[in-house]
Amino acid sequence: MDFEFTRGDTKVFKFRLLDKSGEILELGNGDKLFLTVKKSSKSTTVAFQKTLNNGIELKDGDYYYVTINSDDTAKLNYGTYGYDIEIKTATGIVKTLLIGSITLTEEYTFKEDEN
C-alpha cells in the first residue's frame, strides 16, 4: 500500500495479517508487530516506528489499525519514505508482511501556526 498525505497530518489505515493463501494469521503470545518508516531501505536512521499497542491496535476482530500522528511527520522533510510491516514471533521467526511508500506533501499550516 502506498500513501500520500500532508506532512504533519494524522493518517490512519488498516490491514489484516494474512498468509499466502489469504487465511488470517493470529499473533501468538510474545509475538511482535512493527511498522518501520525510513527515507530509504539503505538508511540506518528510522524516521518513526509503530508497534503493537503503541500506534498499532487490533480492532474490528481481525483488522490492525495503524495511526500515524501529526508529531510523527511534522519535522520530516517533504518527499517519499519507505515502510514495511514486519512480524517477529516469540520463536524468532521474522516475516515481512507488507512493503510500501509514504509521500509527505507540502503543508501550509504548521504546528506553530495552530493557536
PDB file of N, CA and C in Angstrom:
ATOM      1  N   MET A   1       0.838  -1.174   0.000  1.00  0.00           N
ATOM      2  CA  MET A   1       0.000   0.000   0.000  1.00  0.00           C
ATOM      3  C   MET A   1       0.886   1.241   0.000  1.00  0.00           C
ATOM      4  N   ASP A   2       0.534   2.163  -0.826  1.00  0.00           N
ATOM      5  CA  ASP A   2       1.233   3.437  -0.894  1.00  0.00           C
ATOM      6  C   ASP A   2       0.274   4.539  -0.445  1.00  0.00           C
ATOM      7  N   PHE A   3       0.813   5.520   0.273  1.00  0.00           N
ATOM      8  CA  PHE A   3       0.012   6.616   0.805  1.00  0.00           C
ATOM      9  C   PHE A   3       0.644   7.945   0.445  1.00  0.00           C
ATOM     10  N   GLU A   4      -0.195   8.939   0.270  1.00  0.00           N
ATOM     11  CA  GLU A   4       0.245  10.315   0.098  1.00  0.00           C
ATOM     12  C   GLU A   4      -0.638  11.172   0.977  1.00  0.00           C
ATOM     13  N   PHE A   5      -0.009  11.967   1.839  1.00  0.00           N
ATOM     14  CA  PHE A   5      -0.773  12.877   2.679  1.00  0.00           C
ATOM     15  C   PHE A   5       0.118  14.048   3.098  1.00  0.00           C
ATOM     16  N   THR A   6      -0.500  15.076   3.627  1.00  0.00           N
ATOM     17  CA  THR A   6       0.199  16.291   4.014  1.00  0.00           C
ATOM     18  C   THR A   6       1.047  16.052   5.257  1.00  0.00           C
ATOM     19  N   ARG A   7       2.302  16.475   5.197  1.00  0.00           N
ATOM     20  CA  ARG A   7       3.189  16.354   6.349  1.00  0.00           C
ATOM     21  C   ARG A   7       2.531  17.021   7.552  1.00  0.00           C
ATOM     22  N   GLY A   8       2.581  16.364   8.690  1.00  0.00           N
ATOM     23  CA  GLY A   8       2.001  16.910   9.911  1.00  0.00           C
ATOM     24  C   GLY A   8       0.544  16.545  10.124  1.00  0.00           C
ATOM     25  N   ASP A   9      -0.074  15.876   9.156  1.00  0.00           N
ATOM     26  CA  ASP A   9      -1.453  15.418   9.333  1.00  0.00           C
ATOM     27  C   ASP A   9      -1.469  14.050  10.006  1.00  0.00           C
ATOM     28  N   THR A  10      -2.623  13.694  10.555  1.00  0.00           N
ATOM     29  CA  THR A  10      -2.820  12.366  11.112  1.00  0.00           C
ATOM     30  C   THR A  10      -3.313  11.454  10.001  1.00  0.00           C
ATOM     31  N   LYS A  11      -2.750  10.261   9.923  1.00  0.00           N
ATOM     32  CA  LYS A  11      -3.148   9.278   8.914  1.00  0.00           C
ATOM     33  C   LYS A  11      -3.435   7.962   9.631  1.00  0.00           C
ATOM     34  N   VAL A  12      -4.591   7.377   9.348  1.00  0.00           N
ATOM     35  CA  VAL A  12      -4.960   6.080   9.903  1.00  0.00           C
ATOM     36  C   VAL A  12      -5.250   5.142   8.744  1.00  0.00           C
ATOM     37  N   PHE A  13      -4.686   3.942   8.798  1.00  0.00           N
ATOM     38  CA  PHE A  13      -5.029   2.916   7.818  1.00  0.00           C
ATOM     39  C   PHE A  13      -5.110   1.569   8.504  1.00  0.00           C
ATOM     40  N   LYS A  14      -5.757   0.634   7.855  1.00  0.00           N
ATOM     41  CA  LYS A  14      -5.932  -0.682   8.458  1.00  0.00           C
ATOM     42  C   LYS A  14      -5.447  -1.766   7.504  1.00  0.00           C
ATOM     43  N   PHE A  15      -5.092  -2.893   8.099  1.00  0.00           N
ATOM     44  CA  PHE A  15      -4.673  -4.054   7.325  1.00  0.00           C
ATOM     45  C   PHE A  15      -4.996  -5.309   8.120  1.00  0.00           C
ATOM     46  N   ARG A  16      -4.964  -6.421   7.439  1.00  0.00           N
ATOM     47  CA  ARG A  16      -5.151  -7.714   8.098  1.00  0.00           C
ATOM     48  C   ARG A  16      -3.890  -8.541   7.924  1.00  0.00           C
ATOM     49  N   LEU A  17      -3.598  -9.369   8.888  1.00  0.00           N
ATOM     50  CA  LEU A  17      -2.477 -10.299   8.793  1.00  0.00           C
ATOM     51  C   LEU A  17      -2.969 -11.532   8.039  1.00  0.00           C
ATOM     52  N   LEU A  18      -2.439 -11.726   6.842  1.00  0.00           N
ATOM     53  CA  LEU A  18      -2.868 -12.848   6.018  1.00  0.00           C
ATOM     54  C   LEU A  18      -1.663 -13.666   5.576  1.00  0.00           C
ATOM     55  N   ASP A  19      -1.844 -14.977   5.470  1.00  0.00           N
ATOM     56  CA  ASP A  19      -0.780 -15.802   4.908  1.00  0.00           C
ATOM     57  C   ASP A  19      -0.914 -15.810   3.386  1.00  0.00           C
ATOM     58  N   LYS A  20      -0.048 -16.562   2.707  1.00  0.00           N
ATOM     59  CA  LYS A  20      -0.035 -16.557   1.242  1.00  0.00           C
ATOM     60  C   LYS A  20      -1.331 -17.057   0.623  1.00  0.00           C
ATOM     61  N   SER A  21      -2.071 -17.887   1.353  1.00  0.00           N
ATOM     62  CA  SER A  21      -3.338 -18.401   0.819  1.00  0.00           C
ATOM     63  C   SER A  21      -4.522 -17.522   1.195  1.00  0.00           C
ATOM     64  N   GLY A  22      -4.249 -16.401   1.881  1.00  0.00           N
ATOM     65  CA  GLY A  22      -5.315 -15.478   2.242  1.00  0.00           C
ATOM     66  C   GLY A  22      -5.974 -15.775   3.572  1.00  0.00           C
ATOM     67  N   GLU A  23      -5.460 -16.758   4.291  1.00  0.00           N
ATOM     68  CA  GLU A  23      -6.005 -17.094   5.607  1.00  0.00           C
ATOM     69  C   GLU A  23      -5.487 -16.102   6.646  1.00  0.00           C
ATOM     70  N   ILE A  24      -6.342 -15.795   7.604  1.00  0.00           N
ATOM     71  CA  ILE A  24      -5.981 -14.834   8.643  1.00  0.00           C
ATOM     72  C   ILE A  24      -4.974 -15.448   9.609  1.00  0.00           C
ATOM     73  N   LEU A  25      -3.899 -14.700   9.871  1.00  0.00           N
ATOM     74  CA  LEU A  25      -2.891 -15.101  10.851  1.00  0.00           C
ATOM     75  C   LEU A  25      -3.209 -14.427  12.181  1.00  0.00           C
ATOM     76  N   GLU A  26      -3.029 -15.154  13.237  1.00  0.00           N
ATOM     77  CA  GLU A  26      -3.217 -14.578  14.563  1.00  0.00           C
ATOM     78  C   GLU A  26      -1.876 -14.493  15.257  1.00  0.00           C
ATOM     79  N   LEU A  27      -1.630 -13.375  15.916  1.00  0.00           N
ATOM     80  CA  LEU A  27      -0.394 -13.218  16.675  1.00  0.00           C
ATOM     81  C   LEU A  27      -0.473 -14.080  17.925  1.00  0.00           C
ATOM     82  N   GLY A  28       0.626 -14.732  18.226  1.00  0.00           N
ATOM     83  CA  GLY A  28       0.697 -15.530  19.432  1.00  0.00           C
ATOM     84  C   GLY A  28       1.252 -14.723  20.586  1.00  0.00           C
ATOM     85  N   ASN A  29       1.222 -15.313  21.758  1.00  0.00           N
ATOM     86  CA  ASN A  29       1.759 -14.671  22.950  1.00  0.00           C
ATOM     87  C   ASN A  29       3.254 -14.429  22.762  1.00  0.00           C
ATOM     88  N   GLY A  30       3.678 -13.204  22.902  1.00  0.00           N
ATOM     89  CA  GLY A  30       5.085 -12.861  22.748  1.00  0.00           C
ATOM     90  C   GLY A  30       5.473 -12.442  21.347  1.00  0.00           C
ATOM     91  N   ASP A  31       4.569 -12.568  20.362  1.00  0.00           N
ATOM     92  CA  ASP A  31       4.857 -12.113  19.008  1.00  0.00           C
ATOM     93  C   ASP A  31       4.839 -10.587  18.968  1.00  0.00           C
ATOM     94  N   LYS A  32       5.641 -10.016  18.085  1.00  0.00           N
ATOM     95  CA  LYS A  32       5.729  -8.560  17.959  1.00  0.00           C
ATOM     96  C   LYS A  32       5.374  -8.146  16.540  1.00  0.00           C
ATOM     97  N   LEU A  33       4.838  -6.946  16.406  1.00  0.00           N
ATOM     98  CA  LEU A  33       4.440  -6.390  15.119  1.00  0.00           C
ATOM     99  C   LEU A  33       5.017  -4.988  15.017  1.00  0.00           C
ATOM    100  N   PHE A  34       5.663  -4.689  13.890  1.00  0.00           N
ATOM    101  CA  PHE A  34       6.323  -3.397  13.698  1.00  0.00           C
ATOM    102  C   PHE A  34       5.909  -2.764  12.378  1.00  0.00           C
ATOM    103  N   LEU A  35       5.779  -1.451  12.363  1.00  0.00           N
ATOM    104  CA  LEU A  35       5.763  -0.650  11.148  1.00  0.00           C
ATOM    105  C   LEU A  35       6.966   0.271  11.283  1.00  0.00           C
ATOM    106  N   THR A  36       7.909   0.170  10.350  1.00  0.00           N
ATOM    107  CA  THR A  36       9.119   0.979  10.391  1.00  0.00           C
ATOM    108  C   THR A  36       9.176   1.846   9.143  1.00  0.00           C
ATOM    109  N   VAL A  37       9.427   3.145   9.323  1.00  0.00           N
ATOM    110  CA  VAL A  37       9.487   4.104   8.226  1.00  0.00           C
ATOM    111  C   VAL A  37      10.896   4.684   8.170  1.00  0.00           C
ATOM    112  N   LYS A  38      11.482   4.661   6.962  1.00  0.00           N
ATOM    113  CA  LYS A  38      12.812   5.226   6.724  1.00  0.00           C
ATOM    114  C   LYS A  38      12.799   5.994   5.410  1.00  0.00           C
ATOM    115  N   LYS A  39      13.790   6.841   5.220  1.00  0.00           N
ATOM    116  CA  LYS A  39      13.896   7.592   3.968  1.00  0.00           C
ATOM    117  C   LYS A  39      14.148   6.639   2.799  1.00  0.00           C
ATOM    118  N   SER A  40      14.907   5.588   3.026  1.00  0.00           N
ATOM    119  CA  SER A  40      15.126   4.563   2.001  1.00  0.00           C
ATOM    120  C   SER A  40      15.478   3.258   2.695  1.00  0.00           C
ATOM    121  N   SER A  41      15.471   2.176   1.947  1.00  0.00           N
ATOM    122  CA  SER A  41      15.791   0.870   2.531  1.00  0.00           C
ATOM    123  C   SER A  41      17.250   0.793   2.969  1.00  0.00           C
ATOM    124  N   LYS A  42      18.087   1.660   2.439  1.00  0.00           N
ATOM    125  CA  LYS A  42      19.511   1.662   2.796  1.00  0.00           C
ATOM    126  C   LYS A  42      19.810   2.531   4.013  1.00  0.00           C
ATOM    127  N   SER A  43      18.842   3.293   4.448  1.00  0.00           N
ATOM    128  CA  SER A  43      19.043   4.200   5.576  1.00  0.00           C
ATOM    129  C   SER A  43      19.154   3.421   6.885  1.00  0.00           C
ATOM    130  N   THR A  44      20.036   3.866   7.748  1.00  0.00           N
ATOM    131  CA  THR A  44      20.154   3.278   9.079  1.00  0.00           C
ATOM    132  C   THR A  44      19.355   4.074  10.111  1.00  0.00           C
ATOM    133  N   THR A  45      18.792   5.197   9.684  1.00  0.00           N
ATOM    134  CA  THR A  45      18.018   6.056  10.574  1.00  0.00           C
ATOM    135  C   THR A  45      16.526   5.790  10.402  1.00  0.00           C
ATOM    136  N   VAL A  46      15.869   5.471  11.492  1.00  0.00           N
ATOM    137  CA  VAL A  46      14.426   5.254  11.475  1.00  0.00           C
ATOM    138  C   VAL A  46      13.742   6.610  11.603  1.00  0.00           C
ATOM    139  N   ALA A  47      12.877   6.942  10.643  1.00  0.00           N
ATOM    140  CA  ALA A  47      12.117   8.205  10.715  1.00  0.00           C
ATOM    141  C   ALA A  47      11.100   8.120  11.847  1.00  0.00           C
ATOM    142  N   PHE A  48      10.360   7.021  11.907  1.00  0.00           N
ATOM    143  CA  PHE A  48       9.491   6.708  13.041  1.00  0.00           C
ATOM    144  C   PHE A  48       9.084   5.250  12.953  1.00  0.00           C
ATOM    145  N   GLN A  49       8.632   4.723  14.080  1.00  0.00           N
ATOM    146  CA  GLN A  49       8.238   3.323  14.136  1.00  0.00           C
ATOM    147  C   GLN A  49       7.003   3.179  15.007  1.00  0.00           C
ATOM    148  N   LYS A  50       6.132   2.273  14.617  1.00  0.00           N
ATOM    149  CA  LYS A  50       4.935   1.931  15.380  1.00  0.00           C
ATOM    150  C   LYS A  50       5.019   0.457  15.746  1.00  0.00           C
ATOM    151  N   THR A  51       4.505   0.114  16.927  1.00  0.00           N
ATOM    152  CA  THR A  51       4.485  -1.264  17.377  1.00  0.00           C
ATOM    153  C   THR A  51       3.086  -1.599  17.883  1.00  0.00           C
ATOM    154  N   LEU A  52       2.853  -2.874  18.067  1.00  0.00           N
ATOM    155  CA  LEU A  52       1.567  -3.306  18.595  1.00  0.00           C
ATOM    156  C   LEU A  52       1.335  -2.645  19.947  1.00  0.00           C
ATOM    157  N   ASN A  53       0.176  -2.041  20.109  1.00  0.00           N
ATOM    158  CA  ASN A  53      -0.235  -1.309  21.308  1.00  0.00           C
ATOM    159  C   ASN A  53       0.508   0.006  21.498  1.00  0.00           C
ATOM    160  N   ASN A  54       1.291   0.404  20.508  1.00  0.00           N
ATOM    161  CA  ASN A  54       1.929   1.722  20.514  1.00  0.00           C
ATOM    162  C   ASN A  54       1.857   2.279  19.094  1.00  0.00           C
ATOM    163  N   GLY A  55       0.616   2.521  18.651  1.00  0.00           N
ATOM    164  CA  GLY A  55       0.389   3.030  17.304  1.00  0.00           C
ATOM    165  C   GLY A  55      -0.235   2.009  16.381  1.00  0.00           C
ATOM    166  N   ILE A  56      -0.186   0.729  16.760  1.00  0.00           N
ATOM    167  CA  ILE A  56      -0.878  -0.330  16.021  1.00  0.00           C
ATOM    168  C   ILE A  56      -1.830  -1.005  16.995  1.00  0.00           C
ATOM    169  N   GLU A  57      -3.114  -1.018  16.646  1.00  0.00           N
ATOM    170  CA  GLU A  57      -4.139  -1.580  17.524  1.00  0.00           C
ATOM    171  C   GLU A  57      -4.988  -2.597  16.771  1.00  0.00           C
ATOM    172  N   LEU A  58      -5.305  -3.710  17.416  1.00  0.00           N
ATOM    173  CA  LEU A  58      -6.216  -4.708  16.865  1.00  0.00           C
ATOM    174  C   LEU A  58      -7.639  -4.278  17.176  1.00  0.00           C
ATOM    175  N   LYS A  59      -8.460  -4.124  16.117  1.00  0.00           N
ATOM    176  CA  LYS A  59      -9.853  -3.702  16.270  1.00  0.00           C
ATOM    177  C   LYS A  59     -10.707  -4.469  15.262  1.00  0.00           C
ATOM    178  N   ASP A  60     -11.995  -4.394  15.426  1.00  0.00           N
ATOM    179  CA  ASP A  60     -12.932  -4.978  14.465  1.00  0.00           C
ATOM    180  C   ASP A  60     -12.626  -6.445  14.185  1.00  0.00           C
ATOM    181  N   GLY A  61     -12.222  -7.176  15.199  1.00  0.00           N
ATOM    182  CA  GLY A  61     -11.978  -8.603  15.036  1.00  0.00           C
ATOM    183  C   GLY A  61     -10.593  -8.934  14.546  1.00  0.00           C
ATOM    184  N   ASP A  62     -10.330  -8.716  13.259  1.00  0.00           N
ATOM    185  CA  ASP A  62      -9.042  -9.137  12.706  1.00  0.00           C
ATOM    186  C   ASP A  62      -8.343  -8.038  11.909  1.00  0.00           C
ATOM    187  N   TYR A  63      -8.717  -6.797  12.122  1.00  0.00           N
ATOM    188  CA  TYR A  63      -8.053  -5.677  11.458  1.00  0.00           C
ATOM    189  C   TYR A  63      -7.111  -4.973  12.428  1.00  0.00           C
ATOM    190  N   TYR A  64      -5.914  -4.680  11.929  1.00  0.00           N
ATOM    191  CA  TYR A  64      -4.949  -3.895  12.683  1.00  0.00           C
ATOM    192  C   TYR A  64      -4.976  -2.478  12.132  1.00  0.00           C
ATOM    193  N   TYR A  65      -5.148  -1.500  13.025  1.00  0.00           N
ATOM    194  CA  TYR A  65      -5.191  -0.089  12.649  1.00  0.00           C
ATOM    195  C   TYR A  65      -3.876   0.571  13.038  1.00  0.00           C
ATOM    196  N   VAL A  66      -3.280   1.249  12.070  1.00  0.00           N
ATOM    197  CA  VAL A  66      -2.047   1.997  12.303  1.00  0.00           C
ATOM    198  C   VAL A  66      -2.414   3.474  12.342  1.00  0.00           C
ATOM    199  N   THR A  67      -1.972   4.161  13.377  1.00  0.00           N
ATOM    200  CA  THR A  67      -2.191   5.602  13.482  1.00  0.00           C
ATOM    201  C   THR A  67      -0.847   6.313  13.404  1.00  0.00           C
ATOM    202  N   ILE A  68      -0.691   7.103  12.342  1.00  0.00           N
ATOM    203  CA  ILE A  68       0.480   7.966  12.197  1.00  0.00           C
ATOM    204  C   ILE A  68       0.038   9.334  12.686  1.00  0.00           C
ATOM    205  N   ASN A  69       0.624   9.777  13.775  1.00  0.00           N
ATOM    206  CA  ASN A  69       0.241  11.039  14.400  1.00  0.00           C
ATOM    207  C   ASN A  69       0.944  12.223  13.747  1.00  0.00           C
ATOM    208  N   SER A  70       0.404  13.387  13.968  1.00  0.00           N
ATOM    209  CA  SER A  70       0.980  14.626  13.458  1.00  0.00           C
ATOM    210  C   SER A  70       2.455  14.753  13.814  1.00  0.00           C
ATOM    211  N   ASP A  71       2.785  14.472  15.066  1.00  0.00           N
ATOM    212  CA  ASP A  71       4.168  14.616  15.527  1.00  0.00           C
ATOM    213  C   ASP A  71       5.130  13.646  14.836  1.00  0.00           C
ATOM    214  N   ASP A  72       4.622  12.537  14.315  1.00  0.00           N
ATOM    215  CA  ASP A  72       5.488  11.561  13.646  1.00  0.00           C
ATOM    216  C   ASP A  72       6.114  12.136  12.377  1.00  0.00           C
ATOM    217  N   THR A  73       5.382  13.001  11.682  1.00  0.00           N
ATOM    218  CA  THR A  73       5.864  13.501  10.391  1.00  0.00           C
ATOM    219  C   THR A  73       6.148  14.998  10.376  1.00  0.00           C
ATOM    220  N   ALA A  74       5.754  15.730  11.414  1.00  0.00           N
ATOM    221  CA  ALA A  74       5.822  17.194  11.403  1.00  0.00           C
ATOM    222  C   ALA A  74       7.220  17.741  11.113  1.00  0.00           C
ATOM    223  N   LYS A  75       8.246  17.071  11.543  1.00  0.00           N
ATOM    224  CA  LYS A  75       9.618  17.570  11.371  1.00  0.00           C
ATOM    225  C   LYS A  75      10.373  16.859  10.251  1.00  0.00           C
ATOM    226  N   LEU A  76       9.723  15.935   9.550  1.00  0.00           N
ATOM    227  CA  LEU A  76      10.387  15.235   8.450  1.00  0.00           C
ATOM    228  C   LEU A  76      10.408  16.112   7.199  1.00  0.00           C
ATOM    229  N   ASN A  77      11.355  15.878   6.331  1.00  0.00           N
ATOM    230  CA  ASN A  77      11.394  16.578   5.048  1.00  0.00           C
ATOM    231  C   ASN A  77      10.258  16.093   4.161  1.00  0.00           C
ATOM    232  N   TYR A  78       9.805  16.971   3.281  1.00  0.00           N
ATOM    233  CA  TYR A  78       8.824  16.548   2.283  1.00  0.00           C
ATOM    234  C   TYR A  78       9.466  15.470   1.422  1.00  0.00           C
ATOM    235  N   GLY A  79       8.635  14.617   0.840  1.00  0.00           N
ATOM    236  CA  GLY A  79       9.169  13.599  -0.054  1.00  0.00           C
ATOM    237  C   GLY A  79       8.643  12.220   0.269  1.00  0.00           C
ATOM    238  N   THR A  80       9.244  11.232  -0.355  1.00  0.00           N
ATOM    239  CA  THR A  80       8.773   9.855  -0.250  1.00  0.00           C
ATOM    240  C   THR A  80       9.675   9.048   0.675  1.00  0.00           C
ATOM    241  N   TYR A  81       9.039   8.295   1.541  1.00  0.00           N
ATOM    242  CA  TYR A  81       9.693   7.413   2.500  1.00  0.00           C
ATOM    243  C   TYR A  81       9.200   5.995   2.245  1.00  0.00           C
ATOM    244  N   GLY A  82       9.991   5.032   2.604  1.00  0.00           N
ATOM    245  CA  GLY A  82       9.578   3.642   2.507  1.00  0.00           C
ATOM    246  C   GLY A  82       9.196   3.103   3.869  1.00  0.00           C
ATOM    247  N   TYR A  83       8.347   2.088   3.866  1.00  0.00           N
ATOM    248  CA  TYR A  83       7.989   1.442   5.124  1.00  0.00           C
ATOM    249  C   TYR A  83       7.785  -0.043   4.888  1.00  0.00           C
ATOM    250  N   ASP A  84       7.882  -0.791   5.964  1.00  0.00           N
ATOM    251  CA  ASP A  84       7.441  -2.173   5.927  1.00  0.00           C
ATOM    252  C   ASP A  84       6.717  -2.502   7.218  1.00  0.00           C
ATOM    253  N   ILE A  85       5.912  -3.540   7.148  1.00  0.00           N
ATOM    254  CA  ILE A  85       5.237  -4.077   8.325  1.00  0.00           C
ATOM    255  C   ILE A  85       5.793  -5.480   8.507  1.00  0.00           C
ATOM    256  N   GLU A  86       6.310  -5.724   9.689  1.00  0.00           N
ATOM    257  CA  GLU A  86       7.030  -6.970   9.957  1.00  0.00           C
ATOM    258  C   GLU A  86       6.517  -7.609  11.237  1.00  0.00           C
ATOM    259  N   ILE A  87       6.472  -8.911  11.223  1.00  0.00           N
ATOM    260  CA  ILE A  87       6.135  -9.676  12.413  1.00  0.00           C
ATOM    261  C   ILE A  87       7.378 -10.425  12.866  1.00  0.00           C
ATOM    262  N   LYS A  88       7.582 -10.459  14.172  1.00  0.00           N
ATOM    263  CA  LYS A  88       8.650 -11.266  14.758  1.00  0.00           C
ATOM    264  C   LYS A  88       8.001 -12.148  15.813  1.00  0.00           C
ATOM    265  N   THR A  89       8.049 -13.449  15.581  1.00  0.00           N
ATOM    266  CA  THR A  89       7.389 -14.361  16.501  1.00  0.00           C
ATOM    267  C   THR A  89       8.242 -14.578  17.749  1.00  0.00           C
ATOM    268  N   ALA A  90       7.600 -15.081  18.784  1.00  0.00           N
ATOM    269  CA  ALA A  90       8.291 -15.368  20.036  1.00  0.00           C
ATOM    270  C   ALA A  90       9.384 -16.413  19.834  1.00  0.00           C
ATOM    271  N   THR A  91       9.256 -17.217  18.766  1.00  0.00           N
ATOM    272  CA  THR A  91      10.265 -18.247  18.484  1.00  0.00           C
ATOM    273  C   THR A  91      11.392 -17.725  17.605  1.00  0.00           C
ATOM    274  N   GLY A  92      11.347 -16.420  17.225  1.00  0.00           N
ATOM    275  CA  GLY A  92      12.433 -15.816  16.480  1.00  0.00           C
ATOM    276  C   GLY A  92      12.252 -15.757  14.977  1.00  0.00           C
ATOM    277  N   ILE A  93      11.119 -16.222  14.472  1.00  0.00           N
ATOM    278  CA  ILE A  93      10.851 -16.137  13.029  1.00  0.00           C
ATOM    279  C   ILE A  93      10.493 -14.697  12.688  1.00  0.00           C
ATOM    280  N   VAL A  94      11.112 -14.158  11.629  1.00  0.00           N
ATOM    281  CA  VAL A  94      10.855 -12.791  11.175  1.00  0.00           C
ATOM    282  C   VAL A  94      10.251 -12.863   9.786  1.00  0.00           C
ATOM    283  N   LYS A  95       9.134 -12.157   9.574  1.00  0.00           N
ATOM    284  CA  LYS A  95       8.442 -12.181   8.290  1.00  0.00           C
ATOM    285  C   LYS A  95       7.963 -10.784   7.946  1.00  0.00           C
ATOM    286  N   THR A  96       8.386 -10.285   6.781  1.00  0.00           N
ATOM    287  CA  THR A  96       7.889  -9.007   6.285  1.00  0.00           C
ATOM    288  C   THR A  96       6.555  -9.255   5.608  1.00  0.00           C
ATOM    289  N   LEU A  97       5.532  -8.542   6.040  1.00  0.00           N
ATOM    290  CA  LEU A  97       4.173  -8.757   5.550  1.00  0.00           C
ATOM    291  C   LEU A  97       3.782  -7.789   4.441  1.00  0.00           C
ATOM    292  N   LEU A  98       4.346  -6.593   4.478  1.00  0.00           N
ATOM    293  CA  LEU A  98       3.914  -5.553   3.550  1.00  0.00           C
ATOM    294  C   LEU A  98       5.033  -4.532   3.398  1.00  0.00           C
ATOM    295  N   ILE A  99       5.250  -4.074   2.175  1.00  0.00           N
ATOM    296  CA  ILE A  99       6.198  -3.003   1.892  1.00  0.00           C
ATOM    297  C   ILE A  99       5.461  -1.949   1.075  1.00  0.00           C
ATOM    298  N   GLY A 100       5.678  -0.678   1.405  1.00  0.00           N
ATOM    299  CA  GLY A 100       5.014   0.386   0.669  1.00  0.00           C
ATOM    300  C   GLY A 100       5.759   1.702   0.810  1.00  0.00           C
ATOM    301  N   SER A 101       5.103   2.758   0.376  1.00  0.00           N
ATOM    302  CA  SER A 101       5.708   4.089   0.460  1.00  0.00           C
ATOM    303  C   SER A 101       4.720   5.090   1.052  1.00  0.00           C
ATOM    304  N   ILE A 102       5.292   6.105   1.660  1.00  0.00           N
ATOM    305  CA  ILE A 102       4.537   7.228   2.212  1.00  0.00           C
ATOM    306  C   ILE A 102       5.139   8.489   1.609  1.00  0.00           C
ATOM    307  N   THR A 103       4.333   9.253   0.893  1.00  0.00           N
ATOM    308  CA  THR A 103       4.790  10.518   0.330  1.00  0.00           C
ATOM    309  C   THR A 103       4.190  11.651   1.151  1.00  0.00           C
ATOM    310  N   LEU A 104       5.060  12.477   1.711  1.00  0.00           N
ATOM    311  CA  LEU A 104       4.632  13.627   2.502  1.00  0.00           C
ATOM    312  C   LEU A 104       4.636  14.864   1.620  1.00  0.00           C
ATOM    313  N   THR A 105       3.480  15.471   1.485  1.00  0.00           N
ATOM    314  CA  THR A 105       3.344  16.652   0.637  1.00  0.00           C
ATOM    315  C   THR A 105       3.434  17.923   1.478  1.00  0.00           C
ATOM    316  N   GLU A 106       3.527  19.042   0.788  1.00  0.00           N
ATOM    317  CA  GLU A 106       3.682  20.338   1.454  1.00  0.00           C
ATOM    318  C   GLU A 106       2.503  20.661   2.351  1.00  0.00           C
ATOM    319  N   GLU A 107       2.826  21.401   3.406  1.00  0.00           N
ATOM    320  CA  GLU A 107       1.796  21.891   4.314  1.00  0.00           C
ATOM    321  C   GLU A 107       1.901  23.412   4.385  1.00  0.00           C
ATOM    322  N   TYR A 108       0.826  24.040   4.808  1.00  0.00           N
ATOM    323  CA  TYR A 108       0.816  25.500   4.927  1.00  0.00           C
ATOM    324  C   TYR A 108       0.508  25.950   6.344  1.00  0.00           C
ATOM    325  N   THR A 109      -0.237  25.147   7.078  1.00  0.00           N
ATOM    326  CA  THR A 109      -0.494  25.446   8.482  1.00  0.00           C
ATOM    327  C   THR A 109       0.437  24.572   9.306  1.00  0.00           C
ATOM    328  N   PHE A 110       1.484  25.170   9.842  1.00  0.00           N
ATOM    329  CA  PHE A 110       2.449  24.444  10.649  1.00  0.00           C
ATOM    330  C   PHE A 110       1.970  24.384  12.093  1.00  0.00           C
ATOM    331  N   LYS A 111       2.522  23.478  12.857  1.00  0.00           N
ATOM    332  CA  LYS A 111       2.145  23.313  14.250  1.00  0.00           C
ATOM    333  C   LYS A 111       2.245  24.635  15.007  1.00  0.00           C
ATOM    334  N   GLU A 112       3.280  25.404  14.695  1.00  0.00           N
ATOM    335  CA  GLU A 112       3.461  26.697  15.370  1.00  0.00           C
ATOM    336  C   GLU A 112       2.340  27.686  15.041  1.00  0.00           C
ATOM    337  N   ASP A 113       1.628  27.468  13.917  1.00  0.00           N
ATOM    338  CA  ASP A 113       0.544  28.348  13.494  1.00  0.00           C
ATOM    339  C   ASP A 113      -0.779  28.030  14.186  1.00  0.00           C
ATOM    340  N   GLU A 114      -0.835  26.874  14.848  1.00  0.00           N
ATOM    341  CA  GLU A 114      -2.092  26.395  15.445  1.00  0.00           C
ATOM    342  C   GLU A 114      -2.244  26.950  16.864  1.00  0.00           C
ATOM    343  N   ASN A 115      -2.976  28.045  16.996  1.00  0.00           N
ATOM    344  CA  ASN A 115      -3.168  28.669  18.302  1.00  0.00           C
ATOM    345  C   ASN A 115      -4.513  28.351  18.863  1.00  0.00           C
TER     346      ASN A 115
END
